[in-house]
Amino acid sequence: MSINTTLLIDILDKFDTSDESFGIINQDILNELMFFLDKHGVRIRKNKIENSAYNKLSIALIAINKGINVVDISSKLNWHDFELFTSELLKYHGYTVYTNFRLKNPKREIDIIGIKSQKAILIDCKHWKKKSITGLKQIVEKQKNRSKLFIQKSNLKVQNVFPIVLTFLPNGNSFINGVPIISINKLNSFLLDFDNIHQYFYKL
C-alpha cells in the first residue's frame, strides 16, 4: 500500500494538537492512513493514533524511509520527543533509566543513562542536524569526559561505562575513537546485540 507522504508531514505538524483527524476530512483516506501506520508499527487504538513520543518518532522515521528530507523531519521534533523515545526503548530492554543526569564541580549534564547488569550506557542525543567528522569528534570527546566524571562523582555503582552518541540521521552505525555513533532507527538492534558486541567499544 502506498501513502501520500504529505499526510505524514501533516500528522507531525498537528501531532501535539487536539485535532485527532489531523485535518483529514475524507474518512476513507483517514482509515487507509491508520491501517498503513498500524502495519508500520505505530500504535493505533480505536482508529486513532496514540499520543506518545514513541508514535511521533515512529511516524518521523517512516517519513524518512519514504524519502522525505531528514532535516525537514527533524525540524518537526523537539528535544523531549527524542529523549522520551530513547528512554522508553531502554526501559523496554530492561534498563533502569535516568534522564538529564547532573554532575557538579564541574557542572555537566548527561542526557540519558541506561543501567543493566552493572553496565551503564551514557547517551548524548544529537537530533537536530548533520555534523562534520570534526564536529562529531568534538562531541565524542566531550561525552568521554562526561563519562569519566560520572565514574568519579556519581553514586550509581556500575562496573563499566560506555559512552555513545545517538543521532536522528539515518546513516547506520559508526565509531569515532571507539565510541559508537548510533542512528535512532538502529537503536533497537544495537540494544538487542549489546551484550555480544560491547567488548569492541570504548569503555571505562
N, C-alpha and C. Protein backbone atom coordinates (compact mmCIF):
# COMPACT_ATOMS: atom_id res chain seq x y z
N MET A 1 0.84 -1.21 0.00
CA MET A 1 0.00 0.00 0.00
C MET A 1 0.87 1.25 0.00
N SER A 2 0.57 2.20 -0.90
CA SER A 2 1.30 3.46 -0.93
C SER A 2 0.53 4.51 -0.15
N ILE A 3 1.25 5.52 0.28
CA ILE A 3 0.62 6.59 1.06
C ILE A 3 1.16 7.93 0.61
N ASN A 4 0.32 8.94 0.60
CA ASN A 4 0.74 10.29 0.26
C ASN A 4 1.63 10.81 1.39
N THR A 5 2.90 11.05 1.08
CA THR A 5 3.85 11.43 2.13
C THR A 5 3.51 12.77 2.78
N THR A 6 2.78 13.61 2.07
CA THR A 6 2.41 14.89 2.69
C THR A 6 1.49 14.68 3.90
N LEU A 7 0.78 13.54 3.91
CA LEU A 7 -0.06 13.23 5.06
C LEU A 7 0.79 13.00 6.31
N LEU A 8 1.96 12.41 6.13
CA LEU A 8 2.86 12.17 7.26
C LEU A 8 3.36 13.49 7.83
N ILE A 9 3.65 14.43 6.94
CA ILE A 9 4.06 15.76 7.39
C ILE A 9 2.92 16.44 8.15
N ASP A 10 1.70 16.30 7.63
CA ASP A 10 0.53 16.90 8.28
C ASP A 10 0.37 16.34 9.70
N ILE A 11 0.56 15.04 9.83
CA ILE A 11 0.42 14.41 11.16
C ILE A 11 1.46 14.97 12.12
N LEU A 12 2.70 15.06 11.66
CA LEU A 12 3.76 15.57 12.54
C LEU A 12 3.51 17.03 12.91
N ASP A 13 3.00 17.81 11.96
CA ASP A 13 2.72 19.23 12.24
C ASP A 13 1.64 19.38 13.31
N LYS A 14 0.66 18.47 13.29
CA LYS A 14 -0.50 18.60 14.18
C LYS A 14 -0.52 17.56 15.29
N PHE A 15 0.59 16.86 15.47
CA PHE A 15 0.60 15.72 16.39
C PHE A 15 0.26 16.13 17.82
N ASP A 16 0.77 17.26 18.25
CA ASP A 16 0.59 17.68 19.64
C ASP A 16 -0.63 18.58 19.84
N THR A 17 -1.52 18.59 18.85
CA THR A 17 -2.76 19.36 18.97
C THR A 17 -3.91 18.42 19.32
N SER A 18 -5.08 18.99 19.49
CA SER A 18 -6.26 18.18 19.81
C SER A 18 -6.97 17.66 18.56
N ASP A 19 -6.40 17.93 17.38
CA ASP A 19 -7.02 17.51 16.13
C ASP A 19 -6.70 16.04 15.86
N GLU A 20 -7.59 15.15 16.26
CA GLU A 20 -7.34 13.72 16.15
C GLU A 20 -7.39 13.21 14.71
N SER A 21 -8.01 13.98 13.82
CA SER A 21 -8.05 13.57 12.41
C SER A 21 -6.97 14.27 11.59
N PHE A 22 -6.17 15.13 12.24
CA PHE A 22 -5.03 15.81 11.61
C PHE A 22 -5.45 16.59 10.36
N GLY A 23 -6.66 17.12 10.38
CA GLY A 23 -7.14 17.92 9.26
C GLY A 23 -7.58 17.12 8.05
N ILE A 24 -7.62 15.79 8.18
CA ILE A 24 -8.03 14.92 7.06
C ILE A 24 -9.55 14.75 7.13
N ILE A 25 -10.24 15.30 6.17
CA ILE A 25 -11.70 15.29 6.18
C ILE A 25 -12.25 13.98 5.64
N ASN A 26 -11.64 13.44 4.59
CA ASN A 26 -12.12 12.22 3.95
C ASN A 26 -11.90 11.02 4.87
N GLN A 27 -12.98 10.39 5.30
CA GLN A 27 -12.88 9.29 6.26
C GLN A 27 -12.17 8.07 5.66
N ASP A 28 -12.37 7.82 4.37
CA ASP A 28 -11.71 6.67 3.72
C ASP A 28 -10.19 6.85 3.73
N ILE A 29 -9.75 8.07 3.43
CA ILE A 29 -8.31 8.35 3.44
C ILE A 29 -7.76 8.19 4.86
N LEU A 30 -8.51 8.68 5.84
CA LEU A 30 -8.08 8.56 7.23
C LEU A 30 -7.98 7.09 7.65
N ASN A 31 -8.96 6.28 7.25
CA ASN A 31 -8.93 4.86 7.58
C ASN A 31 -7.73 4.16 6.94
N GLU A 32 -7.47 4.49 5.67
CA GLU A 32 -6.32 3.91 4.98
C GLU A 32 -5.01 4.31 5.66
N LEU A 33 -4.95 5.56 6.10
CA LEU A 33 -3.75 6.04 6.78
C LEU A 33 -3.54 5.30 8.10
N MET A 34 -4.60 5.11 8.88
CA MET A 34 -4.48 4.39 10.15
C MET A 34 -4.03 2.95 9.91
N PHE A 35 -4.57 2.32 8.87
CA PHE A 35 -4.19 0.95 8.52
C PHE A 35 -2.71 0.89 8.15
N PHE A 36 -2.27 1.85 7.34
CA PHE A 36 -0.86 1.91 6.92
C PHE A 36 0.07 2.08 8.12
N LEU A 37 -0.26 3.01 8.99
CA LEU A 37 0.60 3.27 10.15
C LEU A 37 0.62 2.08 11.10
N ASP A 38 -0.52 1.46 11.29
CA ASP A 38 -0.59 0.27 12.15
C ASP A 38 0.33 -0.83 11.61
N LYS A 39 0.35 -1.02 10.32
CA LYS A 39 1.20 -2.05 9.70
C LYS A 39 2.68 -1.70 9.84
N HIS A 40 2.99 -0.43 10.08
CA HIS A 40 4.38 0.00 10.21
C HIS A 40 4.78 0.26 11.67
N GLY A 41 4.00 -0.31 12.59
CA GLY A 41 4.42 -0.30 13.98
C GLY A 41 3.93 0.86 14.83
N VAL A 42 3.15 1.76 14.24
CA VAL A 42 2.60 2.87 15.02
C VAL A 42 1.42 2.33 15.84
N ARG A 43 1.35 2.72 17.09
CA ARG A 43 0.32 2.22 17.99
C ARG A 43 -1.00 2.95 17.74
N ILE A 44 -1.99 2.18 17.26
CA ILE A 44 -3.31 2.72 16.93
C ILE A 44 -4.33 2.10 17.89
N ARG A 45 -5.21 2.95 18.44
CA ARG A 45 -6.27 2.46 19.32
C ARG A 45 -7.58 3.11 18.91
N LYS A 46 -8.57 2.27 18.62
CA LYS A 46 -9.89 2.76 18.18
C LYS A 46 -9.75 3.71 16.99
N ASN A 47 -8.92 3.29 16.04
CA ASN A 47 -8.70 4.03 14.80
C ASN A 47 -8.14 5.43 15.03
N LYS A 48 -7.42 5.59 16.15
CA LYS A 48 -6.77 6.85 16.45
C LYS A 48 -5.33 6.59 16.85
N ILE A 49 -4.44 7.53 16.53
CA ILE A 49 -3.03 7.40 16.87
C ILE A 49 -2.85 7.76 18.34
N GLU A 50 -2.25 6.86 19.10
CA GLU A 50 -1.94 7.17 20.49
C GLU A 50 -0.95 8.33 20.54
N ASN A 51 -1.22 9.29 21.41
CA ASN A 51 -0.34 10.45 21.54
C ASN A 51 0.84 10.09 22.43
N SER A 52 1.95 9.73 21.80
CA SER A 52 3.14 9.34 22.56
C SER A 52 4.38 9.71 21.76
N ALA A 53 5.49 9.90 22.48
CA ALA A 53 6.75 10.19 21.80
C ALA A 53 7.15 9.03 20.89
N TYR A 54 6.83 7.81 21.33
CA TYR A 54 7.15 6.64 20.51
C TYR A 54 6.47 6.75 19.14
N ASN A 55 5.17 7.06 19.15
CA ASN A 55 4.45 7.16 17.89
C ASN A 55 4.93 8.31 17.03
N LYS A 56 5.19 9.44 17.66
CA LYS A 56 5.63 10.61 16.89
C LYS A 56 6.95 10.33 16.18
N LEU A 57 7.90 9.73 16.91
CA LEU A 57 9.18 9.45 16.28
C LEU A 57 9.08 8.30 15.27
N SER A 58 8.20 7.35 15.54
CA SER A 58 7.98 6.26 14.58
C SER A 58 7.47 6.81 13.25
N ILE A 59 6.53 7.74 13.32
CA ILE A 59 6.00 8.36 12.10
C ILE A 59 7.09 9.16 11.39
N ALA A 60 7.92 9.83 12.15
CA ALA A 60 9.04 10.57 11.56
C ALA A 60 9.98 9.64 10.81
N LEU A 61 10.27 8.49 11.39
CA LEU A 61 11.16 7.53 10.73
C LEU A 61 10.52 6.93 9.48
N ILE A 62 9.22 6.69 9.53
CA ILE A 62 8.50 6.22 8.33
C ILE A 62 8.62 7.26 7.22
N ALA A 63 8.44 8.52 7.59
CA ALA A 63 8.52 9.60 6.59
C ALA A 63 9.90 9.64 5.93
N ILE A 64 10.94 9.46 6.73
CA ILE A 64 12.30 9.45 6.16
C ILE A 64 12.48 8.28 5.22
N ASN A 65 11.99 7.12 5.63
CA ASN A 65 12.09 5.94 4.76
C ASN A 65 11.30 6.11 3.46
N LYS A 66 10.32 7.01 3.47
CA LYS A 66 9.54 7.29 2.27
C LYS A 66 10.17 8.40 1.42
N GLY A 67 11.32 8.89 1.85
CA GLY A 67 12.07 9.83 1.03
C GLY A 67 11.98 11.28 1.42
N ILE A 68 11.29 11.59 2.52
CA ILE A 68 11.20 12.99 2.95
C ILE A 68 12.53 13.39 3.58
N ASN A 69 12.97 14.59 3.31
CA ASN A 69 14.27 15.08 3.77
C ASN A 69 14.37 15.01 5.29
N VAL A 70 15.49 14.43 5.76
CA VAL A 70 15.66 14.22 7.20
C VAL A 70 15.72 15.53 7.97
N VAL A 71 16.28 16.57 7.38
CA VAL A 71 16.35 17.87 8.06
C VAL A 71 14.94 18.44 8.25
N ASP A 72 14.09 18.27 7.22
CA ASP A 72 12.71 18.74 7.33
C ASP A 72 11.97 18.00 8.44
N ILE A 73 12.21 16.69 8.52
CA ILE A 73 11.54 15.89 9.55
C ILE A 73 12.06 16.26 10.93
N SER A 74 13.37 16.42 11.04
CA SER A 74 13.97 16.73 12.33
C SER A 74 13.39 18.03 12.90
N SER A 75 13.06 18.96 12.03
CA SER A 75 12.51 20.24 12.48
C SER A 75 11.12 20.07 13.09
N LYS A 76 10.46 18.94 12.84
CA LYS A 76 9.13 18.69 13.39
C LYS A 76 9.19 18.08 14.80
N LEU A 77 10.39 17.69 15.21
CA LEU A 77 10.55 17.04 16.51
C LEU A 77 11.21 17.99 17.49
N ASN A 78 10.96 17.76 18.76
CA ASN A 78 11.65 18.54 19.76
C ASN A 78 12.51 17.63 20.64
N TRP A 79 13.26 18.26 21.49
CA TRP A 79 14.17 17.52 22.36
C TRP A 79 13.43 16.48 23.18
N HIS A 80 12.27 16.86 23.68
CA HIS A 80 11.51 15.98 24.56
C HIS A 80 11.09 14.71 23.84
N ASP A 81 10.66 14.83 22.57
CA ASP A 81 10.27 13.65 21.78
C ASP A 81 11.41 12.65 21.69
N PHE A 82 12.57 13.17 21.34
CA PHE A 82 13.75 12.33 21.11
C PHE A 82 14.16 11.62 22.40
N GLU A 83 14.17 12.38 23.48
CA GLU A 83 14.60 11.84 24.77
C GLU A 83 13.62 10.79 25.28
N LEU A 84 12.32 11.08 25.17
CA LEU A 84 11.32 10.13 25.66
C LEU A 84 11.35 8.82 24.88
N PHE A 85 11.47 8.92 23.57
CA PHE A 85 11.53 7.72 22.74
C PHE A 85 12.71 6.85 23.16
N THR A 86 13.87 7.46 23.32
CA THR A 86 15.08 6.73 23.70
C THR A 86 14.92 6.11 25.09
N SER A 87 14.38 6.86 26.03
CA SER A 87 14.19 6.36 27.38
C SER A 87 13.25 5.16 27.41
N GLU A 88 12.14 5.26 26.67
CA GLU A 88 11.17 4.17 26.65
C GLU A 88 11.76 2.92 26.03
N LEU A 89 12.58 3.08 25.01
CA LEU A 89 13.20 1.93 24.37
C LEU A 89 14.20 1.25 25.31
N LEU A 90 14.96 2.04 26.05
CA LEU A 90 15.87 1.48 27.03
C LEU A 90 15.10 0.71 28.11
N LYS A 91 14.01 1.28 28.58
CA LYS A 91 13.20 0.60 29.60
C LYS A 91 12.64 -0.71 29.05
N TYR A 92 12.22 -0.69 27.81
CA TYR A 92 11.70 -1.89 27.17
C TYR A 92 12.73 -3.01 27.18
N HIS A 93 14.00 -2.65 27.05
CA HIS A 93 15.08 -3.64 27.04
C HIS A 93 15.62 -3.92 28.45
N GLY A 94 14.92 -3.47 29.46
CA GLY A 94 15.26 -3.84 30.82
C GLY A 94 16.25 -2.94 31.53
N TYR A 95 16.48 -1.75 30.99
CA TYR A 95 17.42 -0.81 31.62
C TYR A 95 16.70 0.07 32.64
N THR A 96 17.41 0.37 33.72
CA THR A 96 16.98 1.44 34.61
C THR A 96 17.47 2.75 34.00
N VAL A 97 16.58 3.72 33.88
CA VAL A 97 16.89 4.91 33.08
C VAL A 97 16.90 6.17 33.95
N TYR A 98 17.90 7.00 33.70
CA TYR A 98 18.00 8.32 34.32
C TYR A 98 18.14 9.34 33.19
N THR A 99 17.38 10.43 33.27
CA THR A 99 17.47 11.46 32.23
C THR A 99 17.97 12.77 32.84
N ASN A 100 18.67 13.53 31.99
CA ASN A 100 19.21 14.83 32.41
C ASN A 100 19.95 14.72 33.74
N PHE A 101 20.86 13.75 33.77
CA PHE A 101 21.61 13.43 34.99
C PHE A 101 22.71 14.47 35.20
N ARG A 102 22.66 15.16 36.33
CA ARG A 102 23.56 16.29 36.55
C ARG A 102 24.73 15.92 37.45
N LEU A 103 25.89 16.43 37.08
CA LEU A 103 27.11 16.28 37.86
C LEU A 103 27.57 17.67 38.30
N LYS A 104 28.25 17.73 39.42
CA LYS A 104 28.71 19.01 39.95
C LYS A 104 30.24 19.06 40.03
N ASN A 105 30.74 20.28 39.94
CA ASN A 105 32.18 20.57 40.15
C ASN A 105 33.12 19.70 39.27
N PRO A 106 33.13 19.94 37.99
CA PRO A 106 32.41 20.97 37.22
C PRO A 106 30.99 20.51 36.87
N LYS A 107 30.14 21.48 36.55
CA LYS A 107 28.76 21.17 36.20
C LYS A 107 28.70 20.54 34.81
N ARG A 108 28.11 19.39 34.75
CA ARG A 108 27.92 18.69 33.49
C ARG A 108 26.57 17.98 33.54
N GLU A 109 26.00 17.73 32.38
CA GLU A 109 24.73 17.00 32.33
C GLU A 109 24.82 15.90 31.28
N ILE A 110 24.35 14.72 31.65
CA ILE A 110 24.30 13.59 30.74
C ILE A 110 22.84 13.40 30.32
N ASP A 111 22.60 13.36 29.02
CA ASP A 111 21.23 13.33 28.53
C ASP A 111 20.45 12.13 29.07
N ILE A 112 20.98 10.94 28.82
CA ILE A 112 20.29 9.72 29.24
C ILE A 112 21.31 8.69 29.71
N ILE A 113 20.99 8.03 30.81
CA ILE A 113 21.80 6.92 31.32
C ILE A 113 20.91 5.69 31.41
N GLY A 114 21.38 4.58 30.84
CA GLY A 114 20.68 3.30 30.98
C GLY A 114 21.60 2.32 31.69
N ILE A 115 21.10 1.70 32.74
CA ILE A 115 21.93 0.77 33.52
C ILE A 115 21.26 -0.60 33.58
N LYS A 116 22.04 -1.61 33.25
CA LYS A 116 21.58 -3.00 33.34
C LYS A 116 22.79 -3.90 33.52
N SER A 117 22.68 -4.85 34.43
CA SER A 117 23.74 -5.83 34.68
C SER A 117 25.08 -5.15 34.97
N GLN A 118 25.02 -4.09 35.78
CA GLN A 118 26.22 -3.37 36.21
C GLN A 118 26.95 -2.65 35.06
N LYS A 119 26.27 -2.50 33.94
CA LYS A 119 26.83 -1.77 32.81
C LYS A 119 25.99 -0.52 32.57
N ALA A 120 26.65 0.61 32.39
CA ALA A 120 25.95 1.87 32.16
C ALA A 120 26.23 2.37 30.75
N ILE A 121 25.16 2.66 30.01
CA ILE A 121 25.26 3.30 28.70
C ILE A 121 24.93 4.77 28.90
N LEU A 122 25.88 5.63 28.58
CA LEU A 122 25.70 7.08 28.72
C LEU A 122 25.48 7.68 27.34
N ILE A 123 24.30 8.24 27.13
CA ILE A 123 23.88 8.66 25.79
C ILE A 123 23.85 10.17 25.67
N ASP A 124 24.48 10.66 24.62
CA ASP A 124 24.39 12.06 24.23
C ASP A 124 23.51 12.12 22.98
N CYS A 125 22.35 12.76 23.07
CA CYS A 125 21.39 12.80 21.97
C CYS A 125 21.66 14.01 21.06
N LYS A 126 21.83 13.74 19.79
CA LYS A 126 22.03 14.80 18.80
C LYS A 126 21.05 14.55 17.65
N HIS A 127 19.96 15.29 17.65
CA HIS A 127 18.94 15.01 16.63
C HIS A 127 18.74 16.13 15.63
N TRP A 128 19.40 17.26 15.78
CA TRP A 128 18.98 18.46 15.07
C TRP A 128 19.58 18.66 13.70
N LYS A 129 20.83 18.23 13.45
CA LYS A 129 21.39 18.45 12.12
C LYS A 129 22.62 17.57 11.92
N LYS A 130 23.04 17.48 10.67
CA LYS A 130 24.21 16.68 10.34
C LYS A 130 25.47 17.37 10.83
N LYS A 131 26.38 16.56 11.33
CA LYS A 131 27.64 17.09 11.85
C LYS A 131 28.80 16.63 10.97
N SER A 132 29.84 17.47 10.85
CA SER A 132 31.06 17.07 10.18
C SER A 132 31.81 16.09 11.05
N ILE A 133 32.79 15.41 10.47
CA ILE A 133 33.60 14.47 11.24
C ILE A 133 34.30 15.20 12.38
N THR A 134 34.80 16.40 12.10
CA THR A 134 35.46 17.18 13.15
C THR A 134 34.48 17.50 14.28
N GLY A 135 33.28 17.90 13.91
CA GLY A 135 32.26 18.20 14.91
C GLY A 135 31.91 16.98 15.74
N LEU A 136 31.77 15.82 15.09
CA LEU A 136 31.45 14.59 15.81
C LEU A 136 32.58 14.19 16.74
N LYS A 137 33.82 14.40 16.32
CA LYS A 137 34.95 14.07 17.19
C LYS A 137 34.91 14.91 18.46
N GLN A 138 34.55 16.18 18.32
CA GLN A 138 34.45 17.04 19.49
C GLN A 138 33.32 16.57 20.41
N ILE A 139 32.20 16.17 19.82
CA ILE A 139 31.07 15.66 20.60
C ILE A 139 31.47 14.39 21.35
N VAL A 140 32.18 13.51 20.65
CA VAL A 140 32.63 12.26 21.26
C VAL A 140 33.57 12.52 22.44
N GLU A 141 34.51 13.42 22.26
CA GLU A 141 35.47 13.71 23.34
C GLU A 141 34.76 14.31 24.56
N LYS A 142 33.78 15.15 24.31
CA LYS A 142 33.02 15.72 25.43
C LYS A 142 32.23 14.63 26.16
N GLN A 143 31.68 13.69 25.40
CA GLN A 143 30.92 12.61 26.04
C GLN A 143 31.85 11.67 26.82
N LYS A 144 33.04 11.45 26.32
CA LYS A 144 34.02 10.64 27.05
C LYS A 144 34.41 11.34 28.36
N ASN A 145 34.57 12.64 28.30
CA ASN A 145 34.92 13.39 29.51
C ASN A 145 33.78 13.36 30.53
N ARG A 146 32.54 13.48 30.04
CA ARG A 146 31.40 13.38 30.95
C ARG A 146 31.33 11.99 31.59
N SER A 147 31.68 10.99 30.81
CA SER A 147 31.66 9.62 31.33
C SER A 147 32.71 9.43 32.42
N LYS A 148 33.86 10.03 32.25
CA LYS A 148 34.90 9.96 33.28
C LYS A 148 34.44 10.64 34.56
N LEU A 149 33.79 11.80 34.42
CA LEU A 149 33.27 12.50 35.59
C LEU A 149 32.17 11.68 36.27
N PHE A 150 31.37 11.00 35.47
CA PHE A 150 30.30 10.16 36.02
C PHE A 150 30.90 9.10 36.94
N ILE A 151 31.96 8.47 36.50
CA ILE A 151 32.60 7.44 37.33
C ILE A 151 33.16 8.05 38.62
N GLN A 152 33.74 9.22 38.51
CA GLN A 152 34.36 9.86 39.66
C GLN A 152 33.35 10.38 40.68
N LYS A 153 32.20 10.89 40.20
CA LYS A 153 31.32 11.65 41.08
C LYS A 153 29.95 11.04 41.31
N SER A 154 29.55 10.09 40.50
CA SER A 154 28.21 9.54 40.65
C SER A 154 28.15 8.52 41.78
N ASN A 155 26.99 8.47 42.44
CA ASN A 155 26.73 7.46 43.46
C ASN A 155 26.16 6.17 42.87
N LEU A 156 25.91 6.17 41.56
CA LEU A 156 25.42 4.96 40.90
C LEU A 156 26.59 4.02 40.66
N LYS A 157 26.53 2.86 41.25
CA LYS A 157 27.65 1.93 41.19
C LYS A 157 27.50 0.98 40.00
N VAL A 158 28.46 1.04 39.12
CA VAL A 158 28.47 0.17 37.94
C VAL A 158 29.89 -0.35 37.72
N GLN A 159 30.00 -1.42 36.96
CA GLN A 159 31.31 -1.99 36.66
C GLN A 159 31.95 -1.31 35.46
N ASN A 160 31.13 -1.04 34.45
CA ASN A 160 31.65 -0.43 33.22
C ASN A 160 30.72 0.67 32.74
N VAL A 161 31.33 1.66 32.08
CA VAL A 161 30.58 2.77 31.50
C VAL A 161 30.91 2.84 30.02
N PHE A 162 29.85 2.96 29.19
CA PHE A 162 30.02 3.02 27.74
C PHE A 162 29.39 4.31 27.21
N PRO A 163 30.20 5.29 26.84
CA PRO A 163 29.62 6.50 26.22
C PRO A 163 29.21 6.22 24.78
N ILE A 164 28.05 6.71 24.39
CA ILE A 164 27.64 6.62 22.99
C ILE A 164 27.00 7.95 22.58
N VAL A 165 26.96 8.18 21.28
CA VAL A 165 26.29 9.36 20.72
C VAL A 165 25.15 8.84 19.86
N LEU A 166 23.96 9.37 20.11
CA LEU A 166 22.76 8.95 19.39
C LEU A 166 22.32 10.08 18.48
N THR A 167 22.09 9.77 17.20
CA THR A 167 21.72 10.79 16.23
C THR A 167 20.42 10.42 15.54
N PHE A 168 19.71 11.43 15.08
CA PHE A 168 18.48 11.19 14.32
C PHE A 168 18.79 10.82 12.87
N LEU A 169 19.96 11.14 12.40
CA LEU A 169 20.30 10.93 10.99
C LEU A 169 20.36 9.44 10.67
N PRO A 170 19.64 8.98 9.66
CA PRO A 170 19.57 7.54 9.35
C PRO A 170 20.75 7.06 8.52
N ASN A 171 21.94 7.12 9.09
CA ASN A 171 23.13 6.74 8.31
C ASN A 171 23.85 5.55 8.91
N GLY A 172 23.08 4.66 9.56
CA GLY A 172 23.68 3.46 10.12
C GLY A 172 24.49 3.76 11.36
N ASN A 173 25.36 2.83 11.69
CA ASN A 173 26.19 2.97 12.88
C ASN A 173 27.64 3.14 12.47
N SER A 174 28.40 3.89 13.26
CA SER A 174 29.82 4.07 13.01
C SER A 174 30.52 4.25 14.35
N PHE A 175 31.83 4.43 14.31
CA PHE A 175 32.60 4.62 15.53
C PHE A 175 33.57 5.78 15.35
N ILE A 176 33.78 6.51 16.42
CA ILE A 176 34.84 7.51 16.46
C ILE A 176 35.60 7.30 17.76
N ASN A 177 36.85 6.96 17.61
CA ASN A 177 37.70 6.68 18.78
C ASN A 177 37.06 5.66 19.71
N GLY A 178 36.45 4.66 19.11
CA GLY A 178 35.86 3.58 19.88
C GLY A 178 34.47 3.84 20.41
N VAL A 179 33.96 5.05 20.24
CA VAL A 179 32.63 5.40 20.74
C VAL A 179 31.60 5.21 19.62
N PRO A 180 30.56 4.41 19.86
CA PRO A 180 29.54 4.20 18.82
C PRO A 180 28.74 5.47 18.54
N ILE A 181 28.52 5.73 17.24
CA ILE A 181 27.60 6.77 16.79
C ILE A 181 26.40 6.02 16.23
N ILE A 182 25.29 6.06 16.93
CA ILE A 182 24.15 5.21 16.61
C ILE A 182 23.00 6.04 16.06
N SER A 183 22.46 5.61 14.91
CA SER A 183 21.24 6.24 14.38
C SER A 183 20.04 5.76 15.20
N ILE A 184 19.10 6.66 15.43
CA ILE A 184 17.94 6.32 16.25
C ILE A 184 17.19 5.12 15.68
N ASN A 185 17.17 4.98 14.35
CA ASN A 185 16.45 3.86 13.76
C ASN A 185 17.20 2.54 13.92
N LYS A 186 18.45 2.60 14.41
CA LYS A 186 19.24 1.39 14.67
C LYS A 186 19.39 1.10 16.16
N LEU A 187 18.79 1.95 17.01
CA LEU A 187 19.00 1.81 18.45
C LEU A 187 18.45 0.50 18.98
N ASN A 188 17.30 0.08 18.50
CA ASN A 188 16.71 -1.17 18.99
C ASN A 188 17.64 -2.35 18.73
N SER A 189 18.15 -2.47 17.50
CA SER A 189 19.04 -3.59 17.18
C SER A 189 20.35 -3.46 17.95
N PHE A 190 20.83 -2.23 18.17
CA PHE A 190 22.03 -2.01 18.96
C PHE A 190 21.85 -2.55 20.38
N LEU A 191 20.71 -2.27 20.99
CA LEU A 191 20.45 -2.74 22.35
C LEU A 191 20.28 -4.25 22.39
N LEU A 192 19.65 -4.81 21.36
CA LEU A 192 19.49 -6.26 21.29
C LEU A 192 20.85 -6.97 21.24
N ASP A 193 21.79 -6.37 20.52
CA ASP A 193 23.10 -7.00 20.30
C ASP A 193 24.15 -6.57 21.32
N PHE A 194 23.81 -5.66 22.20
CA PHE A 194 24.82 -5.01 23.04
C PHE A 194 25.69 -6.00 23.80
N ASP A 195 25.09 -7.01 24.41
CA ASP A 195 25.87 -7.96 25.22
C ASP A 195 26.89 -8.73 24.38
N ASN A 196 26.63 -8.85 23.09
CA ASN A 196 27.54 -9.60 22.22
C ASN A 196 28.61 -8.73 21.57
N ILE A 197 28.43 -7.42 21.61
CA ILE A 197 29.35 -6.55 20.87
C ILE A 197 30.04 -5.49 21.73
N HIS A 198 29.65 -5.36 23.00
CA HIS A 198 30.18 -4.24 23.79
C HIS A 198 31.68 -4.31 24.02
N GLN A 199 32.26 -5.51 23.84
CA GLN A 199 33.71 -5.62 24.04
C GLN A 199 34.52 -4.84 23.00
N TYR A 200 33.85 -4.43 21.92
CA TYR A 200 34.53 -3.68 20.86
C TYR A 200 34.46 -2.17 21.09
N PHE A 201 33.74 -1.73 22.12
CA PHE A 201 33.51 -0.32 22.33
C PHE A 201 34.50 0.26 23.35
N TYR A 202 34.67 1.56 23.26
CA TYR A 202 35.40 2.30 24.31
C TYR A 202 34.63 2.16 25.60
N LYS A 203 35.32 1.86 26.68
CA LYS A 203 34.64 1.73 27.97
C LYS A 203 35.54 2.24 29.08
N LEU A 204 34.92 2.54 30.20
CA LEU A 204 35.61 2.99 31.39
C LEU A 204 35.26 2.04 32.54
